[in-house]
């Protein structure tokens, strides 16, 4: 198993648990709503959006090179944030080149 795949799995599992807990406590919209109350929240949210856009640029290109359909990953990222790219990395074959 590649180091990237291992890291993706190690990050994904606790993050899924944290996300499930947050959604149970405040709901999906509550997670987004939390960030709208201060400039600090806007900054964190904007940083997340920029980071995920950069990840999507790489992911779409990588998926096309590997013959994978990138659109489920794009939609998943828009709905779940970094969960979808982490699953992409966790399910990516280790012998595939990281370009």
PDB file of N, CA and C in Angstrom:
ATOM      1  N   UNK A   1       0.858  -1.176   0.000  1.00  0.00           N
ATOM      2  CA  UNK A   1       0.000   0.000   0.000  1.00  0.00           C
ATOM      3  C   UNK A   1       0.902   1.237   0.000  1.00  0.00           C
ATOM      4  N   UNK A   2       0.563   2.212  -0.831  1.00  0.00           N
ATOM      5  CA  UNK A   2       1.387   3.413  -0.925  1.00  0.00           C
ATOM      6  C   UNK A   2       1.224   4.287   0.322  1.00  0.00           C
ATOM      7  N   UNK A   3       2.203   5.141   0.526  1.00  0.00           N
ATOM      8  CA  UNK A   3       2.154   6.059   1.671  1.00  0.00           C
ATOM      9  C   UNK A   3       0.990   7.038   1.543  1.00  0.00           C
ATOM     10  N   UNK A   4       0.699   7.471   0.321  1.00  0.00           N
ATOM     11  CA  UNK A   4      -0.413   8.407   0.099  1.00  0.00           C
ATOM     12  C   UNK A   4      -1.734   7.730   0.452  1.00  0.00           C
ATOM     13  N   UNK A   5      -1.904   6.493   0.009  1.00  0.00           N
ATOM     14  CA  UNK A   5      -3.138   5.760   0.299  1.00  0.00           C
ATOM     15  C   UNK A   5      -3.290   5.522   1.807  1.00  0.00           C
ATOM     16  N   UNK A   6      -2.206   5.148   2.449  1.00  0.00           N
ATOM     17  CA  UNK A   6      -2.236   4.927   3.901  1.00  0.00           C
ATOM     18  C   UNK A   6      -2.599   6.213   4.639  1.00  0.00           C
ATOM     19  N   UNK A   7      -1.959   7.312   4.255  1.00  0.00           N
ATOM     20  CA  UNK A   7      -2.256   8.600   4.892  1.00  0.00           C
ATOM     21  C   UNK A   7      -3.710   9.000   4.679  1.00  0.00           C
ATOM     22  N   UNK A   8      -4.222   8.785   3.462  1.00  0.00           N
ATOM     23  CA  UNK A   8      -5.618   9.125   3.178  1.00  0.00           C
ATOM     24  C   UNK A   8      -6.563   8.343   4.086  1.00  0.00           C
ATOM     25  N   UNK A   9      -6.306   7.066   4.273  1.00  0.00           N
ATOM     26  CA  UNK A   9      -7.151   6.231   5.133  1.00  0.00           C
ATOM     27  C   UNK A   9      -7.034   6.657   6.593  1.00  0.00           C
ATOM     28  N   UNK A  10      -5.804   6.928   7.036  1.00  0.00           N
ATOM     29  CA  UNK A  10      -5.575   7.351   8.429  1.00  0.00           C
ATOM     30  C   UNK A  10      -6.288   8.676   8.718  1.00  0.00           C
ATOM     31  N   UNK A  11      -6.311   9.575   7.750  1.00  0.00           N
ATOM     32  CA  UNK A  11      -7.014  10.851   7.934  1.00  0.00           C
ATOM     33  C   UNK A  11      -8.526  10.696   7.779  1.00  0.00           C
ATOM     34  N   UNK A  12      -8.931   9.846   6.855  1.00  0.00           N
ATOM     35  CA  UNK A  12     -10.353   9.709   6.538  1.00  0.00           C
ATOM     36  C   UNK A  12     -11.169   9.158   7.696  1.00  0.00           C
ATOM     37  N   UNK A  13     -10.692   8.131   8.343  1.00  0.00           N
ATOM     38  CA  UNK A  13     -11.496   7.457   9.376  1.00  0.00           C
ATOM     39  C   UNK A  13     -11.838   8.384  10.550  1.00  0.00           C
ATOM     40  N   UNK A  14     -10.867   9.042  11.194  1.00  0.00           N
ATOM     41  CA  UNK A  14     -11.259   9.943  12.287  1.00  0.00           C
ATOM     42  C   UNK A  14     -12.035  11.156  11.796  1.00  0.00           C
ATOM     43  N   UNK A  15     -11.731  11.619  10.567  1.00  0.00           N
ATOM     44  CA  UNK A  15     -12.472  12.767  10.054  1.00  0.00           C
ATOM     45  C   UNK A  15     -13.925  12.417   9.794  1.00  0.00           C
ATOM     46  N   UNK A  16     -14.189  11.203   9.312  1.00  0.00           N
ATOM     47  CA  UNK A  16     -15.580  10.761   9.128  1.00  0.00           C
ATOM     48  C   UNK A  16     -16.317  10.715  10.469  1.00  0.00           C
ATOM     49  N   UNK A  17     -15.633  10.237  11.496  1.00  0.00           N
ATOM     50  CA  UNK A  17     -16.246  10.194  12.829  1.00  0.00           C
ATOM     51  C   UNK A  17     -16.533  11.601  13.342  1.00  0.00           C
ATOM     52  N   UNK A  18     -15.582  12.510  13.177  1.00  0.00           N
ATOM     53  CA  UNK A  18     -15.787  13.900  13.595  1.00  0.00           C
ATOM     54  C   UNK A  18     -16.928  14.547  12.819  1.00  0.00           C
ATOM     55  N   UNK A  19     -16.986  14.287  11.521  1.00  0.00           N
ATOM     56  CA  UNK A  19     -18.052  14.842  10.693  1.00  0.00           C
ATOM     57  C   UNK A  19     -19.410  14.299  11.112  1.00  0.00           C
ATOM     58  N   UNK A  20     -19.491  13.002  11.355  1.00  0.00           N
ATOM     59  CA  UNK A  20     -20.758  12.404  11.804  1.00  0.00           C
ATOM     60  C   UNK A  20     -21.210  13.024  13.119  1.00  0.00           C
ATOM     61  N   UNK A  21     -20.280  13.209  14.035  1.00  0.00           N
ATOM     62  CA  UNK A  21     -20.611  13.836  15.322  1.00  0.00           C
ATOM     63  C   UNK A  21     -21.114  15.269  15.115  1.00  0.00           C
ATOM     64  N   UNK A  22     -20.420  16.033  14.290  1.00  0.00           N
ATOM     65  CA  UNK A  22     -20.822  17.425  14.038  1.00  0.00           C
ATOM     66  C   UNK A  22     -22.195  17.495  13.385  1.00  0.00           C
ATOM     67  N   UNK A  23     -22.448  16.623  12.414  1.00  0.00           N
ATOM     68  CA  UNK A  23     -23.752  16.623  11.742  1.00  0.00           C
ATOM     69  C   UNK A  23     -24.856  16.226  12.715  1.00  0.00           C
ATOM     70  N   UNK A  24     -24.587  15.265  13.602  1.00  0.00           N
ATOM     71  CA  UNK A  24     -25.589  14.873  14.599  1.00  0.00           C
ATOM     72  C   UNK A  24     -25.874  16.020  15.568  1.00  0.00           C
ATOM     73  N   UNK A  25     -24.851  16.783  15.923  1.00  0.00           N
ATOM     74  CA  UNK A  25     -25.019  17.868  16.894  1.00  0.00           C
ATOM     75  C   UNK A  25     -25.687  19.110  16.309  1.00  0.00           C
ATOM     76  N   UNK A  26     -25.247  19.534  15.111  1.00  0.00           N
ATOM     77  CA  UNK A  26     -25.736  20.810  14.579  1.00  0.00           C
ATOM     78  C   UNK A  26     -26.362  20.703  13.197  1.00  0.00           C
ATOM     79  N   UNK A  27     -26.320  19.542  12.576  1.00  0.00           N
ATOM     80  CA  UNK A  27     -26.859  19.370  11.232  1.00  0.00           C
ATOM     81  C   UNK A  27     -25.882  19.853  10.174  1.00  0.00           C
ATOM     82  N   UNK A  28     -26.140  19.425   8.943  1.00  0.00           N
ATOM     83  CA  UNK A  28     -25.253  19.782   7.830  1.00  0.00           C
ATOM     84  C   UNK A  28     -25.180  21.295   7.651  1.00  0.00           C
ATOM     85  N   UNK A  29     -26.318  21.959   7.663  1.00  0.00           N
ATOM     86  CA  UNK A  29     -26.338  23.412   7.479  1.00  0.00           C
ATOM     87  C   UNK A  29     -25.740  24.135   8.681  1.00  0.00           C
ATOM     88  N   UNK A  30     -25.823  23.535   9.850  1.00  0.00           N
ATOM     89  CA  UNK A  30     -25.234  24.139  11.042  1.00  0.00           C
ATOM     90  C   UNK A  30     -23.726  24.251  10.947  1.00  0.00           C
ATOM     91  N   UNK A  31     -23.105  23.294  10.268  1.00  0.00           N
ATOM     92  CA  UNK A  31     -21.657  23.351  10.076  1.00  0.00           C
ATOM     93  C   UNK A  31     -21.301  24.571   9.231  1.00  0.00           C
ATOM     94  N   UNK A  32     -22.062  24.795   8.159  1.00  0.00           N
ATOM     95  CA  UNK A  32     -21.817  25.959   7.310  1.00  0.00           C
ATOM     96  C   UNK A  32     -22.189  27.254   8.022  1.00  0.00           C
ATOM     97  N   UNK A  33     -23.285  27.242   8.750  1.00  0.00           N
ATOM     98  CA  UNK A  33     -23.781  28.448   9.428  1.00  0.00           C
ATOM     99  C   UNK A  33     -22.791  28.970  10.467  1.00  0.00           C
ATOM    100  N   UNK A  34     -22.083  28.080  11.102  1.00  0.00           N
ATOM    101  CA  UNK A  34     -21.130  28.466  12.153  1.00  0.00           C
ATOM    102  C   UNK A  34     -20.106  29.478  11.648  1.00  0.00           C
ATOM    103  N   UNK A  35     -19.724  29.367  10.383  1.00  0.00           N
ATOM    104  CA  UNK A  35     -18.670  30.215   9.837  1.00  0.00           C
ATOM    105  C   UNK A  35     -19.142  31.583   9.348  1.00  0.00           C
ATOM    106  N   UNK A  36     -20.422  31.847   9.319  1.00  0.00           N
ATOM    107  CA  UNK A  36     -20.899  33.101   8.755  1.00  0.00           C
ATOM    108  C   UNK A  36     -21.003  34.245   9.758  1.00  0.00           C
ATOM    109  N   UNK A  37     -20.684  33.995  11.014  1.00  0.00           N
ATOM    110  CA  UNK A  37     -20.912  34.998  12.052  1.00  0.00           C
ATOM    111  C   UNK A  37     -19.741  35.926  12.336  1.00  0.00           C
ATOM    112  N   UNK A  38     -18.593  35.699  11.721  1.00  0.00           N
ATOM    113  CA  UNK A  38     -17.462  36.589  11.986  1.00  0.00           C
ATOM    114  C   UNK A  38     -16.494  36.581  10.803  1.00  0.00           C
ATOM    115  N   UNK A  39     -15.704  37.635  10.676  1.00  0.00           N
ATOM    116  CA  UNK A  39     -14.690  37.646   9.619  1.00  0.00           C
ATOM    117  C   UNK A  39     -13.717  36.468   9.735  1.00  0.00           C
ATOM    118  N   UNK A  40     -13.433  36.008  10.937  1.00  0.00           N
ATOM    119  CA  UNK A  40     -12.557  34.847  11.106  1.00  0.00           C
ATOM    120  C   UNK A  40     -13.200  33.605  10.478  1.00  0.00           C
ATOM    121  N   UNK A  41     -14.486  33.439  10.658  1.00  0.00           N
ATOM    122  CA  UNK A  41     -15.205  32.325  10.048  1.00  0.00           C
ATOM    123  C   UNK A  41     -15.216  32.431   8.537  1.00  0.00           C
ATOM    124  N   UNK A  42     -15.389  33.651   8.012  1.00  0.00           N
ATOM    125  CA  UNK A  42     -15.363  33.857   6.558  1.00  0.00           C
ATOM    126  C   UNK A  42     -13.992  33.472   6.004  1.00  0.00           C
ATOM    127  N   UNK A  43     -12.936  33.846   6.747  1.00  0.00           N
ATOM    128  CA  UNK A  43     -11.578  33.545   6.296  1.00  0.00           C
ATOM    129  C   UNK A  43     -11.349  32.041   6.251  1.00  0.00           C
ATOM    130  N   UNK A  44     -11.764  31.333   7.283  1.00  0.00           N
ATOM    131  CA  UNK A  44     -11.592  29.878   7.326  1.00  0.00           C
ATOM    132  C   UNK A  44     -12.385  29.220   6.200  1.00  0.00           C
ATOM    133  N   UNK A  45     -13.610  29.648   5.989  1.00  0.00           N
ATOM    134  CA  UNK A  45     -14.441  29.082   4.937  1.00  0.00           C
ATOM    135  C   UNK A  45     -13.841  29.362   3.555  1.00  0.00           C
ATOM    136  N   UNK A  46     -13.375  30.582   3.333  1.00  0.00           N
ATOM    137  CA  UNK A  46     -12.761  30.953   2.060  1.00  0.00           C
ATOM    138  C   UNK A  46     -11.491  30.140   1.822  1.00  0.00           C
ATOM    139  N   UNK A  47     -10.697  29.950   2.865  1.00  0.00           N
ATOM    140  CA  UNK A  47      -9.485  29.141   2.767  1.00  0.00           C
ATOM    141  C   UNK A  47      -9.841  27.708   2.366  1.00  0.00           C
ATOM    142  N   UNK A  48     -10.882  27.158   2.959  1.00  0.00           N
ATOM    143  CA  UNK A  48     -11.329  25.802   2.615  1.00  0.00           C
ATOM    144  C   UNK A  48     -11.761  25.723   1.158  1.00  0.00           C
ATOM    145  N   UNK A  49     -12.516  26.710   0.705  1.00  0.00           N
ATOM    146  CA  UNK A  49     -12.989  26.710  -0.683  1.00  0.00           C
ATOM    147  C   UNK A  49     -11.809  26.774  -1.653  1.00  0.00           C
ATOM    148  N   UNK A  50     -10.865  27.675  -1.397  1.00  0.00           N
ATOM    149  CA  UNK A  50      -9.683  27.800  -2.262  1.00  0.00           C
ATOM    150  C   UNK A  50      -8.892  26.490  -2.269  1.00  0.00           C
ATOM    151  N   UNK A  51      -8.674  25.917  -1.093  1.00  0.00           N
ATOM    152  CA  UNK A  51      -7.920  24.661  -0.999  1.00  0.00           C
ATOM    153  C   UNK A  51      -8.606  23.540  -1.771  1.00  0.00           C
ATOM    154  N   UNK A  52      -9.918  23.434  -1.624  1.00  0.00           N
ATOM    155  CA  UNK A  52     -10.641  22.372  -2.324  1.00  0.00           C
ATOM    156  C   UNK A  52     -10.671  22.594  -3.829  1.00  0.00           C
ATOM    157  N   UNK A  53     -10.710  23.848  -4.265  1.00  0.00           N
ATOM    158  CA  UNK A  53     -10.631  24.120  -5.700  1.00  0.00           C
ATOM    159  C   UNK A  53      -9.284  23.673  -6.264  1.00  0.00           C
ATOM    160  N   UNK A  54      -8.206  23.932  -5.524  1.00  0.00           N
ATOM    161  CA  UNK A  54      -6.883  23.477  -5.954  1.00  0.00           C
ATOM    162  C   UNK A  54      -6.814  21.950  -6.001  1.00  0.00           C
ATOM    163  N   UNK A  55      -7.404  21.299  -5.003  1.00  0.00           N
ATOM    164  CA  UNK A  55      -7.440  19.836  -4.992  1.00  0.00           C
ATOM    165  C   UNK A  55      -8.237  19.324  -6.194  1.00  0.00           C
ATOM    166  N   UNK A  56      -9.343  19.976  -6.510  1.00  0.00           N
ATOM    167  CA  UNK A  56     -10.162  19.532  -7.638  1.00  0.00           C
ATOM    168  C   UNK A  56      -9.444  19.688  -8.969  1.00  0.00           C
ATOM    169  N   UNK A  57      -8.639  20.742  -9.119  1.00  0.00           N
ATOM    170  CA  UNK A  57      -7.861  20.904 -10.346  1.00  0.00           C
ATOM    171  C   UNK A  57      -6.961  19.684 -10.529  1.00  0.00           C
ATOM    172  N   UNK A  58      -6.270  19.287  -9.469  1.00  0.00           N
ATOM    173  CA  UNK A  58      -5.411  18.105  -9.545  1.00  0.00           C
ATOM    174  C   UNK A  58      -6.240  16.840  -9.758  1.00  0.00           C
ATOM    175  N   UNK A  59      -7.315  16.689  -8.979  1.00  0.00           N
ATOM    176  CA  UNK A  59      -8.103  15.456  -9.006  1.00  0.00           C
ATOM    177  C   UNK A  59      -8.708  15.209 -10.384  1.00  0.00           C
ATOM    178  N   UNK A  60      -9.282  16.236 -11.004  1.00  0.00           N
ATOM    179  CA  UNK A  60      -9.903  16.071 -12.323  1.00  0.00           C
ATOM    180  C   UNK A  60      -8.854  15.644 -13.341  1.00  0.00           C
ATOM    181  N   UNK A  61      -7.708  16.309 -13.326  1.00  0.00           N
ATOM    182  CA  UNK A  61      -6.626  15.953 -14.251  1.00  0.00           C
ATOM    183  C   UNK A  61      -6.137  14.526 -14.005  1.00  0.00           C
ATOM    184  N   UNK A  62      -5.943  14.167 -12.739  1.00  0.00           N
ATOM    185  CA  UNK A  62      -5.459  12.835 -12.388  1.00  0.00           C
ATOM    186  C   UNK A  62      -6.467  11.762 -12.796  1.00  0.00           C
ATOM    187  N   UNK A  63      -7.724  11.995 -12.506  1.00  0.00           N
ATOM    188  CA  UNK A  63      -8.763  11.015 -12.843  1.00  0.00           C
ATOM    189  C   UNK A  63      -8.837  10.801 -14.353  1.00  0.00           C
ATOM    190  N   UNK A  64      -8.761  11.880 -15.113  1.00  0.00           N
ATOM    191  CA  UNK A  64      -8.807  11.742 -16.580  1.00  0.00           C
ATOM    192  C   UNK A  64      -7.607  10.950 -17.086  1.00  0.00           C
ATOM    193  N   UNK A  65      -6.416  11.219 -16.539  1.00  0.00           N
ATOM    194  CA  UNK A  65      -5.215  10.486 -16.957  1.00  0.00           C
ATOM    195  C   UNK A  65      -5.328   8.996 -16.663  1.00  0.00           C
ATOM    196  N   UNK A  66      -6.038   8.664 -15.590  1.00  0.00           N
ATOM    197  CA  UNK A  66      -6.169   7.271 -15.179  1.00  0.00           C
ATOM    198  C   UNK A  66      -7.424   6.602 -15.734  1.00  0.00           C
ATOM    199  N   UNK A  67      -8.185   7.330 -16.538  1.00  0.00           N
ATOM    200  CA  UNK A  67      -9.395   6.759 -17.120  1.00  0.00           C
ATOM    201  C   UNK A  67     -10.549   6.643 -16.148  1.00  0.00           C
ATOM    202  N   UNK A  68     -10.497   7.421 -15.064  1.00  0.00           N
ATOM    203  CA  UNK A  68     -11.594   7.423 -14.083  1.00  0.00           C
ATOM    204  C   UNK A  68     -12.489   8.623 -14.363  1.00  0.00           C
ATOM    205  N   UNK A  69     -13.772   8.467 -14.117  1.00  0.00           N
ATOM    206  CA  UNK A  69     -14.712   9.561 -14.288  1.00  0.00           C
ATOM    207  C   UNK A  69     -14.529  10.553 -13.131  1.00  0.00           C
ATOM    208  N   UNK A  70     -14.153  11.818 -13.408  1.00  0.00           N
ATOM    209  CA  UNK A  70     -13.909  12.757 -12.319  1.00  0.00           C
ATOM    210  C   UNK A  70     -15.178  13.353 -11.709  1.00  0.00           C
ATOM    211  N   UNK A  71     -16.305  13.298 -12.417  1.00  0.00           N
ATOM    212  CA  UNK A  71     -17.494  14.025 -11.966  1.00  0.00           C
ATOM    213  C   UNK A  71     -18.085  13.550 -10.640  1.00  0.00           C
ATOM    214  N   UNK A  72     -18.119  12.266 -10.342  1.00  0.00           N
ATOM    215  CA  UNK A  72     -18.601  11.890  -9.001  1.00  0.00           C
ATOM    216  C   UNK A  72     -17.732  12.498  -7.888  1.00  0.00           C
ATOM    217  N   UNK A  73     -16.434  12.604  -8.151  1.00  0.00           N
ATOM    218  CA  UNK A  73     -15.522  13.164  -7.151  1.00  0.00           C
ATOM    219  C   UNK A  73     -15.714  14.675  -7.018  1.00  0.00           C
ATOM    220  N   UNK A  74     -16.005  15.337  -8.133  1.00  0.00           N
ATOM    221  CA  UNK A  74     -16.260  16.784  -8.099  1.00  0.00           C
ATOM    222  C   UNK A  74     -17.535  17.052  -7.295  1.00  0.00           C
ATOM    223  N   UNK A  75     -18.596  16.349  -7.627  1.00  0.00           N
ATOM    224  CA  UNK A  75     -19.872  16.536  -6.914  1.00  0.00           C
ATOM    225  C   UNK A  75     -19.701  16.170  -5.442  1.00  0.00           C
ATOM    226  N   UNK A  76     -19.015  15.059  -5.186  1.00  0.00           N
ATOM    227  CA  UNK A  76     -18.773  14.650  -3.801  1.00  0.00           C
ATOM    228  C   UNK A  76     -18.001  15.695  -3.017  1.00  0.00           C
ATOM    229  N   UNK A  77     -17.022  16.320  -3.649  1.00  0.00           N
ATOM    230  CA  UNK A  77     -16.233  17.351  -2.972  1.00  0.00           C
ATOM    231  C   UNK A  77     -17.095  18.571  -2.679  1.00  0.00           C
ATOM    232  N   UNK A  78     -17.949  18.952  -3.614  1.00  0.00           N
ATOM    233  CA  UNK A  78     -18.820  20.107  -3.390  1.00  0.00           C
ATOM    234  C   UNK A  78     -19.806  19.848  -2.247  1.00  0.00           C
ATOM    235  N   UNK A  79     -20.201  18.593  -2.064  1.00  0.00           N
ATOM    236  CA  UNK A  79     -21.169  18.256  -1.012  1.00  0.00           C
ATOM    237  C   UNK A  79     -20.532  17.891   0.328  1.00  0.00           C
ATOM    238  N   UNK A  80     -19.324  17.317   0.288  1.00  0.00           N
ATOM    239  CA  UNK A  80     -18.743  16.790   1.532  1.00  0.00           C
ATOM    240  C   UNK A  80     -17.387  17.384   1.900  1.00  0.00           C
ATOM    241  N   UNK A  81     -16.881  18.293   1.085  1.00  0.00           N
ATOM    242  CA  UNK A  81     -15.555  18.846   1.375  1.00  0.00           C
ATOM    243  C   UNK A  81     -14.476  17.814   1.099  1.00  0.00           C
ATOM    244  N   UNK A  82     -13.530  17.703   2.006  1.00  0.00           N
ATOM    245  CA  UNK A  82     -12.349  16.861   1.752  1.00  0.00           C
ATOM    246  C   UNK A  82     -12.629  15.366   1.881  1.00  0.00           C
ATOM    247  N   UNK A  83     -13.806  14.969   2.288  1.00  0.00           N
ATOM    248  CA  UNK A  83     -14.113  13.541   2.395  1.00  0.00           C
ATOM    249  C   UNK A  83     -13.985  12.862   1.033  1.00  0.00           C
ATOM    250  N   UNK A  84     -14.537  13.470   0.004  1.00  0.00           N
ATOM    251  CA  UNK A  84     -14.493  12.868  -1.325  1.00  0.00           C
ATOM    252  C   UNK A  84     -13.061  12.739  -1.865  1.00  0.00           C
ATOM    253  N   UNK A  85     -12.228  13.786  -1.811  1.00  0.00           N
ATOM    254  CA  UNK A  85     -10.839  13.598  -2.260  1.00  0.00           C
ATOM    255  C   UNK A  85     -10.073  12.559  -1.434  1.00  0.00           C
ATOM    256  N   UNK A  86     -10.361  12.465  -0.149  1.00  0.00           N
ATOM    257  CA  UNK A  86      -9.701  11.441   0.665  1.00  0.00           C
ATOM    258  C   UNK A  86     -10.107  10.042   0.222  1.00  0.00           C
ATOM    259  N   UNK A  87     -11.380   9.861  -0.091  1.00  0.00           N
ATOM    260  CA  UNK A  87     -11.836   8.557  -0.594  1.00  0.00           C
ATOM    261  C   UNK A  87     -11.201   8.273  -1.950  1.00  0.00           C
ATOM    262  N   UNK A  88     -11.098   9.299  -2.795  1.00  0.00           N
ATOM    263  CA  UNK A  88     -10.434   9.127  -4.093  1.00  0.00           C
ATOM    264  C   UNK A  88      -9.013   8.605  -3.892  1.00  0.00           C
ATOM    265  N   UNK A  89      -8.272   9.247  -3.002  1.00  0.00           N
ATOM    266  CA  UNK A  89      -6.894   8.818  -2.748  1.00  0.00           C
ATOM    267  C   UNK A  89      -6.836   7.429  -2.117  1.00  0.00           C
ATOM    268  N   UNK A  90      -7.787   7.121  -1.246  1.00  0.00           N
ATOM    269  CA  UNK A  90      -7.800   5.825  -0.580  1.00  0.00           C
ATOM    270  C   UNK A  90      -8.141   4.692  -1.557  1.00  0.00           C
ATOM    271  N   UNK A  91      -8.877   5.002  -2.617  1.00  0.00           N
ATOM    272  CA  UNK A  91      -9.283   3.977  -3.565  1.00  0.00           C
ATOM    273  C   UNK A  91      -8.411   3.969  -4.829  1.00  0.00           C
ATOM    274  N   UNK A  92      -7.459   4.849  -4.863  1.00  0.00           N
ATOM    275  CA  UNK A  92      -6.544   4.940  -6.016  1.00  0.00           C
ATOM    276  C   UNK A  92      -5.540   3.805  -5.927  1.00  0.00           C
ATOM    277  N   UNK A  93      -5.321   3.104  -7.029  1.00  0.00           N
ATOM    278  CA  UNK A  93      -4.382   1.979  -7.025  1.00  0.00           C
ATOM    279  C   UNK A  93      -2.978   2.487  -6.755  1.00  0.00           C
ATOM    280  N   UNK A  94      -2.246   1.788  -5.903  1.00  0.00           N
ATOM    281  CA  UNK A  94      -0.925   2.250  -5.477  1.00  0.00           C
ATOM    282  C   UNK A  94       0.089   2.265  -6.602  1.00  0.00           C
ATOM    283  N   UNK A  95      -0.096   1.437  -7.626  1.00  0.00           N
ATOM    284  CA  UNK A  95       0.887   1.416  -8.709  1.00  0.00           C
ATOM    285  C   UNK A  95       0.691   2.556  -9.704  1.00  0.00           C
ATOM    286  N   UNK A  96      -0.417   3.300  -9.563  1.00  0.00           N
ATOM    287  CA  UNK A  96      -0.655   4.431 -10.445  1.00  0.00           C
ATOM    288  C   UNK A  96       0.267   5.580 -10.051  1.00  0.00           C
ATOM    289  N   UNK A  97       0.854   6.218 -11.031  1.00  0.00           N
ATOM    290  CA  UNK A  97       1.802   7.318 -10.776  1.00  0.00           C
ATOM    291  C   UNK A  97       1.058   8.552 -10.277  1.00  0.00           C
ATOM    292  N   UNK A  98       1.640   9.202  -9.279  1.00  0.00           N
ATOM    293  CA  UNK A  98       1.087  10.471  -8.768  1.00  0.00           C
ATOM    294  C   UNK A  98       1.719  11.599  -9.582  1.00  0.00           C
ATOM    295  N   UNK A  99       1.002  12.060 -10.610  1.00  0.00           N
ATOM    296  CA  UNK A  99       1.557  13.108 -11.485  1.00  0.00           C
ATOM    297  C   UNK A  99       0.896  14.418 -11.164  1.00  0.00           C
TER     298      UNK A  99
END
